[in-house]
C-alpha atoms as a PDB file:
ATOM      1  CA  MET A   1      51.823   7.073 -34.105  1.00  0.00           C
ATOM      2  CA  ARG A   2      51.158   9.835 -31.860  1.00  0.00           C
ATOM      3  CA  ARG A   3      47.835  11.062 -33.649  1.00  0.00           C
ATOM      4  CA  LEU A   4      46.729   7.295 -33.603  1.00  0.00           C
ATOM      5  CA  THR A   5      47.404   7.084 -29.799  1.00  0.00           C
ATOM      6  CA  ALA A   6      45.524  10.339 -29.184  1.00  0.00           C
ATOM      7  CA  SER A   7      42.486   8.981 -31.258  1.00  0.00           C
ATOM      8  CA  ALA A   8      42.485   5.671 -29.327  1.00  0.00           C
ATOM      9  CA  LEU A   9      42.586   7.614 -25.868  1.00  0.00           C
ATOM     10  CA  LEU A  10      39.601   9.694 -27.156  1.00  0.00           C
ATOM     11  CA  VAL A  11      37.493   6.696 -28.456  1.00  0.00           C
ATOM     12  CA  ALA A  12      38.228   4.948 -24.992  1.00  0.00           C
ATOM     13  CA  ALA A  13      37.218   8.085 -23.139  1.00  0.00           C
ATOM     14  CA  CYS A  14      34.019   8.254 -24.971  1.00  0.00           C
ATOM     15  CA  PHE A  15      33.234   4.604 -24.182  1.00  0.00           C
ATOM     16  CA  ALA A  16      33.916   5.092 -20.746  1.00  0.00           C
ATOM     17  CA  ALA A  17      31.645   7.987 -20.445  1.00  0.00           C
ATOM     18  CA  LEU A  18      28.987   6.240 -22.373  1.00  0.00           C
ATOM     19  CA  GLY A  19      29.355   3.182 -20.080  1.00  0.00           C
ATOM     20  CA  ALA A  20      29.132   5.566 -16.781  1.00  0.00           C
ATOM     21  CA  PHE A  21      26.006   7.210 -18.225  1.00  0.00           C
ATOM     22  CA  GLY A  22      24.429   3.894 -18.900  1.00  0.00           C
ATOM     23  CA  ALA A  23      25.114   2.708 -15.575  1.00  0.00           C
ATOM     24  CA  THR A  24      23.641   5.736 -14.020  1.00  0.00           C
ATOM     25  CA  ALA A  25      20.549   5.792 -16.065  1.00  0.00           C
ATOM     26  CA  LEU A  26      20.042   2.000 -15.198  1.00  0.00           C
ATOM     27  CA  ALA A  27      20.432   2.849 -11.326  1.00  0.00           C
ATOM     28  CA  ALA A  28      17.940   5.501 -11.674  1.00  0.00           C
ATOM     29  CA  ASP A  29      15.443   3.525 -13.701  1.00  0.00           C
ATOM     30  CA  ARG A  30      15.659   0.762 -10.831  1.00  0.00           C
ATOM     31  CA  GLY A  31      15.267   3.529  -8.267  1.00  0.00           C
ATOM     32  CA  ALA A  32      12.197   4.592 -10.077  1.00  0.00           C
ATOM     33  CA  ARG A  33      10.701   1.219 -10.110  1.00  0.00           C
ATOM     34  CA  LYS A  34      11.248   0.668  -6.441  1.00  0.00           C
ATOM     35  CA  LEU A  35       7.732   1.528  -5.138  1.00  0.00           C
ATOM     36  CA  ASP A  36       7.529  -0.594  -2.072  1.00  0.00           C
ATOM     37  CA  VAL A  37       9.661  -1.091   0.903  1.00  0.00           C
ATOM     38  CA  PHE A  38       9.243  -3.897   3.367  1.00  0.00           C
ATOM     39  CA  TRP A  39      10.558  -4.712   6.754  1.00  0.00           C
ATOM     40  CA  GLU A  40      10.022  -7.966   8.695  1.00  0.00           C
ATOM     41  CA  SER A  41      11.082  -8.914  12.057  1.00  0.00           C
ATOM     42  CA  PRO A  42      13.372 -11.891  12.602  1.00  0.00           C
ATOM     43  CA  GLU A  43      11.244 -13.238  15.403  1.00  0.00           C
ATOM     44  CA  LEU A  44       8.217 -13.268  13.096  1.00  0.00           C
ATOM     45  CA  ALA A  45       8.970 -16.732  11.673  1.00  0.00           C
ATOM     46  CA  SER A  46       8.624 -18.448  15.049  1.00  0.00           C
ATOM     47  CA  LEU A  47       5.254 -16.977  15.757  1.00  0.00           C
ATOM     48  CA  ASP A  48       2.010 -18.521  15.128  1.00  0.00           C
ATOM     49  CA  LEU A  49      -0.360 -15.648  14.491  1.00  0.00           C
ATOM     50  CA  ARG A  50      -3.592 -17.692  14.339  1.00  0.00           C
ATOM     51  CA  ALA A  51      -5.930 -14.449  14.386  1.00  0.00           C
ATOM     52  CA  ILE A  52      -5.174 -11.044  13.037  1.00  0.00           C
ATOM     53  CA  ALA A  53      -7.208  -8.131  13.600  1.00  0.00           C
ATOM     54  CA  LEU A  54      -7.240  -5.414  10.852  1.00  0.00           C
ATOM     55  CA  LEU A  55      -8.334  -2.194  12.471  1.00  0.00           C
ATOM     56  CA  PRO A  56      -9.991   0.686  10.699  1.00  0.00           C
ATOM     57  CA  VAL A  57      -7.882   2.428   8.308  1.00  0.00           C
ATOM     58  CA  GLY A  58      -6.476   5.850   9.131  1.00  0.00           C
ATOM     59  CA  THR A  59      -6.917   8.831   6.899  1.00  0.00           C
ATOM     60  CA  PHE A  60      -5.203  12.525   7.415  1.00  0.00           C
ATOM     61  CA  ASP A  61      -8.498  14.177   6.073  1.00  0.00           C
ATOM     62  CA  GLY A  62     -11.058  11.848   7.100  1.00  0.00           C
ATOM     63  CA  ASN A  63     -11.871  10.597   3.710  1.00  0.00           C
ATOM     64  CA  LEU A  64     -14.606   8.010   3.942  1.00  0.00           C
ATOM     65  CA  GLU A  65     -14.340   6.873   0.272  1.00  0.00           C
ATOM     66  CA  ALA A  66     -10.585   6.284   0.804  1.00  0.00           C
ATOM     67  CA  ARG A  67     -10.985   4.382   4.004  1.00  0.00           C
ATOM     68  CA  ARG A  68     -13.964   2.364   2.786  1.00  0.00           C
ATOM     69  CA  LEU A  69     -12.129   1.185  -0.532  1.00  0.00           C
ATOM     70  CA  THR A  70      -8.912   0.732   1.166  1.00  0.00           C
ATOM     71  CA  GLU A  71     -10.255  -1.492   3.777  1.00  0.00           C
ATOM     72  CA  ASP A  72     -11.971  -3.672   1.113  1.00  0.00           C
ATOM     73  CA  ALA A  73      -9.057  -3.860  -0.917  1.00  0.00           C
ATOM     74  CA  VAL A  74      -6.613  -4.906   2.209  1.00  0.00           C
ATOM     75  CA  GLY A  75      -9.099  -7.567   3.204  1.00  0.00           C
ATOM     76  CA  LYS A  76      -9.300  -9.080  -0.177  1.00  0.00           C
ATOM     77  CA  ALA A  77      -5.640  -8.981  -0.637  1.00  0.00           C
ATOM     78  CA  LEU A  78      -4.805 -10.627   2.581  1.00  0.00           C
ATOM     79  CA  ARG A  79      -7.648 -13.173   3.148  1.00  0.00           C
ATOM     80  CA  GLY A  80      -5.555 -15.958   1.552  1.00  0.00           C
ATOM     81  CA  SER A  81      -2.567 -15.700   4.057  1.00  0.00           C
ATOM     82  CA  GLY A  82      -3.855 -18.647   6.266  1.00  0.00           C
ATOM     83  CA  HIS A  83      -4.686 -16.422   9.213  1.00  0.00           C
ATOM     84  CA  ARG A  84      -8.090 -16.004  10.571  1.00  0.00           C
ATOM     85  CA  TRP A  85      -8.940 -12.353   9.889  1.00  0.00           C
ATOM     86  CA  LEU A  86     -11.242  -9.878  11.951  1.00  0.00           C
ATOM     87  CA  SER A  87     -12.317  -7.254   9.389  1.00  0.00           C
ATOM     88  CA  PRO A  88     -12.681  -3.546  10.028  1.00  0.00           C
ATOM     89  CA  LEU A  89     -16.346  -3.589  10.031  1.00  0.00           C
ATOM     90  CA  VAL A  90     -16.181  -5.906  13.212  1.00  0.00           C
ATOM     91  CA  THR A  91     -13.125  -4.403  14.867  1.00  0.00           C
ATOM     92  CA  ARG A  92     -14.918  -0.896  14.466  1.00  0.00           C
ATOM     93  CA  GLU A  93     -17.881  -2.068  16.221  1.00  0.00           C
ATOM     94  CA  MET A  94     -15.681  -3.795  19.004  1.00  0.00           C
ATOM     95  CA  LEU A  95     -13.864  -0.514  19.489  1.00  0.00           C
ATOM     96  CA  ARG A  96     -17.160   1.382  19.801  1.00  0.00           C
ATOM     97  CA  GLN A  97     -18.874  -0.944  21.993  1.00  0.00           C
ATOM     98  CA  ALA A  98     -15.692  -0.789  24.494  1.00  0.00           C
ATOM     99  CA  GLY A  99     -15.055   2.925  24.359  1.00  0.00           C
ATOM    100  CA  GLY A 100     -17.355   4.704  22.235  1.00  0.00           C
ATOM    101  CA  ASP A 101     -16.613   7.084  19.425  1.00  0.00           C
ATOM    102  CA  SER A 102     -13.800   8.580  21.604  1.00  0.00           C
ATOM    103  CA  LEU A 103     -11.705   5.376  21.434  1.00  0.00           C
ATOM    104  CA  LEU A 104     -12.218   5.047  17.446  1.00  0.00           C
ATOM    105  CA  LYS A 105     -10.944   8.545  17.396  1.00  0.00           C
ATOM    106  CA  ALA A 106      -7.938   7.614  19.613  1.00  0.00           C
ATOM    107  CA  VAL A 107      -7.068   4.724  17.283  1.00  0.00           C
ATOM    108  CA  ASN A 108      -7.137   6.578  14.406  1.00  0.00           C
ATOM    109  CA  THR A 109      -5.184   9.349  15.837  1.00  0.00           C
ATOM    110  CA  GLN A 110      -2.420   6.660  16.672  1.00  0.00           C
ATOM    111  CA  VAL A 111      -2.463   5.162  13.086  1.00  0.00           C
ATOM    112  CA  VAL A 112      -2.316   8.770  11.478  1.00  0.00           C
ATOM    113  CA  ASN A 113       0.662   9.832  13.796  1.00  0.00           C
ATOM    114  CA  GLY A 114       2.546   6.716  13.668  1.00  0.00           C
ATOM    115  CA  VAL A 115       1.095   4.131  11.241  1.00  0.00           C
ATOM    116  CA  ARG A 116       1.027   1.375  14.087  1.00  0.00           C
ATOM    117  CA  VAL A 117      -0.892   1.519  17.548  1.00  0.00           C
ATOM    118  CA  ASP A 118       0.738   2.387  20.594  1.00  0.00           C
ATOM    119  CA  SER A 119       2.810  -0.588  21.874  1.00  0.00           C
ATOM    120  CA  LEU A 120       1.414  -0.146  25.324  1.00  0.00           C
ATOM    121  CA  GLN A 121      -2.169  -0.395  24.203  1.00  0.00           C
ATOM    122  CA  ALA A 122      -1.759  -3.197  21.885  1.00  0.00           C
ATOM    123  CA  PRO A 123      -2.247  -5.806  24.502  1.00  0.00           C
ATOM    124  CA  TYR A 124      -5.759  -4.333  25.305  1.00  0.00           C
ATOM    125  CA  TYR A 125      -6.718  -4.052  21.837  1.00  0.00           C
ATOM    126  CA  CYS A 126      -5.375  -7.794  21.187  1.00  0.00           C
ATOM    127  CA  ARG A 127      -7.451  -9.171  24.359  1.00  0.00           C
ATOM    128  CA  LEU A 128     -10.474  -7.101  23.296  1.00  0.00           C
ATOM    129  CA  MET A 129     -10.536  -8.692  19.730  1.00  0.00           C
ATOM    130  CA  ARG A 130      -9.132 -12.089  20.834  1.00  0.00           C
ATOM    131  CA  ALA A 131      -6.444 -11.628  18.306  1.00  0.00           C
ATOM    132  CA  ARG A 132      -2.643 -12.393  18.237  1.00  0.00           C
ATOM    133  CA  ALA A 133      -1.868  -9.393  16.076  1.00  0.00           C
ATOM    134  CA  LEU A 134      -3.170  -6.179  14.820  1.00  0.00           C
ATOM    135  CA  LEU A 135      -2.815  -4.945  11.289  1.00  0.00           C
ATOM    136  CA  THR A 136      -2.846  -1.098  10.806  1.00  0.00           C
ATOM    137  CA  VAL A 137      -3.219   0.980   7.339  1.00  0.00           C
ATOM    138  CA  ARG A 138      -2.581   4.496   6.621  1.00  0.00           C
ATOM    139  CA  VAL A 139      -3.514   6.209   3.505  1.00  0.00           C
ATOM    140  CA  ASP A 140      -1.050   8.888   2.762  1.00  0.00           C
ATOM    141  CA  GLN A 141      -2.224   9.796  -0.637  1.00  0.00           C
ATOM    142  CA  PHE A 142      -5.537   9.024  -2.578  1.00  0.00           C
ATOM    143  CA  GLU A 143      -6.210  11.285  -5.363  1.00  0.00           C
ATOM    144  CA  LYS A 144      -6.864  11.318  -9.265  1.00  0.00           C
ATOM    145  CA  ARG A 145      -5.532  13.899 -11.802  1.00  0.00           C
ATOM    146  CA  GLU A 146      -7.686  14.083 -14.726  1.00  0.00           C
ATOM    147  CA  MET A 147      -7.134  16.147 -18.053  1.00  0.00           C
ATOM    148  CA  GLU A 148      -9.042  19.107 -18.631  1.00  0.00           C
ATOM    149  CA  PHE A 149     -10.694  19.226 -22.192  1.00  0.00           C
ATOM    150  CA  ASN A 150      -8.162  21.597 -23.570  1.00  0.00           C
ATOM    151  CA  GLN A 151      -5.041  19.636 -22.091  1.00  0.00           C
ATOM    152  CA  SER A 152      -2.918  16.928 -23.472  1.00  0.00           C
ATOM    153  CA  GLY A 153      -1.154  14.253 -21.372  1.00  0.00           C
ATOM    154  CA  LYS A 154      -2.268  11.172 -19.292  1.00  0.00           C
ATOM    155  CA  PRO A 155      -4.536  11.205 -16.445  1.00  0.00           C
ATOM    156  CA  VAL A 156      -3.154   9.504 -13.377  1.00  0.00           C
ATOM    157  CA  THR A 157      -4.619   7.930 -10.260  1.00  0.00           C
ATOM    158  CA  THR A 158      -2.220   7.782  -7.342  1.00  0.00           C
ATOM    159  CA  VAL A 159      -2.423   5.658  -4.064  1.00  0.00           C
ATOM    160  CA  ASN A 160      -0.111   5.708  -1.292  1.00  0.00           C
ATOM    161  CA  LEU A 161      -0.233   3.496   1.883  1.00  0.00           C
ATOM    162  CA  ARG A 162       1.614   2.608   4.880  1.00  0.00           C
ATOM    163  CA  ALA A 163       1.055  -0.500   7.091  1.00  0.00           C
ATOM    164  CA  ALA A 164       2.235  -2.017  10.235  1.00  0.00           C
ATOM    165  CA  LEU A 165       1.830  -5.245  12.046  1.00  0.00           C
ATOM    166  CA  VAL A 166       2.341  -5.677  15.917  1.00  0.00           C
ATOM    167  CA  ASP A 167       1.657  -8.750  18.172  1.00  0.00           C
ATOM    168  CA  SER A 168      -0.281  -8.804  21.456  1.00  0.00           C
ATOM    169  CA  THR A 169       3.017  -7.783  23.282  1.00  0.00           C
ATOM    170  CA  GLY A 170       3.496  -4.538  21.418  1.00  0.00           C
ATOM    171  CA  ARG A 171       6.246  -5.857  19.252  1.00  0.00           C
ATOM    172  CA  LEU A 172       6.543  -4.579  15.671  1.00  0.00           C
ATOM    173  CA  LEU A 173       6.661  -7.591  13.312  1.00  0.00           C
ATOM    174  CA  TRP A 174       6.234  -6.148   9.701  1.00  0.00           C
ATOM    175  CA  THR A 175       5.931  -2.934   7.924  1.00  0.00           C
ATOM    176  CA  ALA A 176       5.191  -2.011   4.556  1.00  0.00           C
ATOM    177  CA  SER A 177       4.872   1.404   2.284  1.00  0.00           C
ATOM    178  CA  GLY A 178       4.256   1.777  -0.981  1.00  0.00           C
ATOM    179  CA  ALA A 179       2.766   3.677  -3.857  1.00  0.00           C
ATOM    180  CA  GLU A 180       1.012   2.939  -7.362  1.00  0.00           C
ATOM    181  CA  ASN A 181       0.775   5.519 -10.049  1.00  0.00           C
ATOM    182  CA  ALA A 182      -1.896   4.160 -12.535  1.00  0.00           C
ATOM    183  CA  GLU A 183      -1.968   6.045 -15.817  1.00  0.00           C
ATOM    184  CA  GLY A 184      -4.925   6.334 -18.174  1.00  0.00           C
ATOM    185  CA  PRO A 185      -4.759   6.565 -21.926  1.00  0.00           C
ATOM    186  CA  TYR A 186      -3.262   9.590 -23.590  1.00  0.00           C
ATOM    187  CA  HIS A 187      -5.665  12.430 -23.614  1.00  0.00           C
ATOM    188  CA  ASP A 188      -5.301  14.724 -26.870  1.00  0.00           C
ATOM    189  CA  ALA A 189      -6.459  18.263 -26.415  1.00  0.00           C
ATOM    190  CA  ASN A 190      -7.060  18.354 -30.317  1.00  0.00           C
ATOM    191  CA  SER A 191      -9.712  16.105 -30.195  1.00  0.00           C
ATOM    192  CA  GLY A 192     -13.304  17.262 -30.876  1.00  0.00           C
ATOM    193  CA  ALA A 193     -16.085  17.683 -28.330  1.00  0.00           C
ATOM    194  CA  ILE A 194     -19.049  15.328 -28.631  1.00  0.00           C
ATOM    195  CA  GLY A 195     -21.291  17.475 -26.477  1.00  0.00           C
ATOM    196  CA  VAL A 196     -21.469  19.970 -23.647  1.00  0.00           C
ATOM    197  CA  LYS A 197     -21.739  19.496 -19.920  1.00  0.00           C
ATOM    198  CA  ALA A 198     -23.301  22.138 -17.599  1.00  0.00           C
ATOM    199  CA  SER A 199     -21.182  22.673 -14.651  1.00  0.00           C
ATOM    200  CA  GLY A 200     -22.100  25.498 -12.291  1.00  0.00           C
ATOM    201  CA  LEU A 201     -21.965  28.777 -14.143  1.00  0.00           C
ATOM    202  CA  ASN A 202     -19.969  27.302 -16.951  1.00  0.00           C
ATOM    203  CA  ASN A 203     -20.283  24.700 -19.782  1.00  0.00           C
ATOM    204  CA  ALA A 204     -17.554  22.307 -20.296  1.00  0.00           C
ATOM    205  CA  PRO A 205     -16.923  20.375 -23.470  1.00  0.00           C
ATOM    206  CA  LEU A 206     -17.199  16.657 -23.230  1.00  0.00           C
ATOM    207  CA  THR A 207     -15.128  14.097 -25.145  1.00  0.00           C
ATOM    208  CA  ASN A 208     -15.002  10.505 -25.536  1.00  0.00           C
ATOM    209  CA  GLN A 209     -11.706  10.036 -24.298  1.00  0.00           C
ATOM    210  CA  ALA A 210     -11.072   7.843 -21.066  1.00  0.00           C
ATOM    211  CA  GLY A 211     -10.193   9.339 -17.813  1.00  0.00           C
ATOM    212  CA  ALA A 212      -7.856   8.194 -14.892  1.00  0.00           C
ATOM    213  CA  PRO A 213      -7.933   4.594 -13.847  1.00  0.00           C
ATOM    214  CA  GLY A 214     -10.560   3.995 -10.757  1.00  0.00           C
ATOM    215  CA  TYR A 215      -9.284   3.586  -7.329  1.00  0.00           C
ATOM    216  CA  PRO A 216     -10.287  -0.187  -6.911  1.00  0.00           C
ATOM    217  CA  GLU A 217      -7.968  -0.827  -9.946  1.00  0.00           C
ATOM    218  CA  THR A 218      -5.105   1.100  -8.569  1.00  0.00           C
ATOM    219  CA  LEU A 219      -5.337  -0.473  -5.121  1.00  0.00           C
ATOM    220  CA  GLY A 220      -5.437  -3.909  -6.559  1.00  0.00           C
ATOM    221  CA  LYS A 221      -2.119  -3.513  -8.358  1.00  0.00           C
ATOM    222  CA  LEU A 222      -0.378  -1.888  -5.225  1.00  0.00           C
ATOM    223  CA  LEU A 223      -1.718  -4.762  -3.018  1.00  0.00           C
ATOM    224  CA  ALA A 224      -0.981  -7.454  -5.335  1.00  0.00           C
ATOM    225  CA  ARG A 225       2.568  -6.701  -4.650  1.00  0.00           C
ATOM    226  CA  TRP A 226       2.004  -6.497  -0.759  1.00  0.00           C
ATOM    227  CA  THR A 227       0.397 -10.056  -0.913  1.00  0.00           C
ATOM    228  CA  GLN A 228       3.335 -11.476  -2.033  1.00  0.00           C
ATOM    229  CA  ALA A 229       5.393  -9.955   0.968  1.00  0.00           C
ATOM    230  CA  PHE A 230       2.857 -10.219   3.714  1.00  0.00           C
ATOM    231  CA  PRO A 231       3.936 -13.326   6.092  1.00  0.00           C
ATOM    232  CA  ARG A 232       1.990 -16.424   5.378  1.00  0.00           C
ATOM    233  CA  ARG A 233       0.922 -18.552   8.345  1.00  0.00           C
ATOM    234  CA  GLY A 234       2.230 -22.134   7.767  1.00  0.00           C
ATOM    235  CA  PRO A 235       0.618 -25.379   8.717  1.00  0.00           C
ATOM    236  CA  ALA A 236       0.057 -26.043  12.412  1.00  0.00           C
ATOM    237  CA  PRO A 237       2.892 -27.689  14.230  1.00  0.00           C
ATOM    238  CA  ALA A 238       2.469 -31.437  14.410  1.00  0.00           C
ATOM    239  CA  ALA A 239       1.601 -32.705  18.060  1.00  0.00           C
ATOM    240  CA  SER A 240       4.300 -34.194  19.863  1.00  0.00           C
ATOM    241  CA  PRO A 241       4.027 -38.167  20.403  1.00  0.00           C
ATOM    242  CA  ASP A 242       2.373 -39.129  23.798  1.00  0.00           C
ATOM    243  CA  SER A 243       5.312 -40.129  25.947  1.00  0.00           C
ATOM    244  CA  THR A 244       3.096 -41.899  28.464  1.00  0.00           C
ATOM    245  CA  GLY A 245       2.301 -44.529  25.454  1.00  0.00           C
ATOM    246  CA  ALA A 246      -1.454 -44.031  25.975  1.00  0.00           C
ATOM    247  CA  ARG A 247      -3.581 -44.844  22.882  1.00  0.00           C
END
């Protein structure tokens, strides 16, 4: 009887350990899938943001390709939100006309340092662009990892963005941060070469295996999730009845 009890206790302990391991693995898996973080002000629902200006995207290294592709992708992703949008092409020209390249650099510095524009200067930018709010986006990571001909593994394209929405008073209304790691097909180092590519002083073998996904595709996956979280503008409030009874 004592042996049976000890065996039962051992089995129960094993099941408990497996259950704890499974719960930990599930929590880790959920944590790994949590790529985006959003925050929204409680006051946002009561505001009618008719026009939003999308300011030029900020980058740490001045990567023109990252800026251009991100501006295009954000514009396409959010154009169905119900707001009237001012594109980065328009806002960049407005800033340049108002303060030259120095003002453009000042805005980029604000976005790079804090994602959002300075709350004291937001009213000026909104008046300049005749917008109710400003959306700023910063590129934190924009890179591809390709496989060499003698490496095995999956090529990866990584995009990491942060964004902030402020109104004409400088209030922070909405923030987002997220990343997308898009993997290409598995690259086999043992696959044969189909040619040779001259590169500088060396020649590199060519294979027929696909590389890392493109930046537009990776941005599209990330911003498809942001589109669902971005505040949409509802229908305009109905006009109140004329209290004078005039028709």
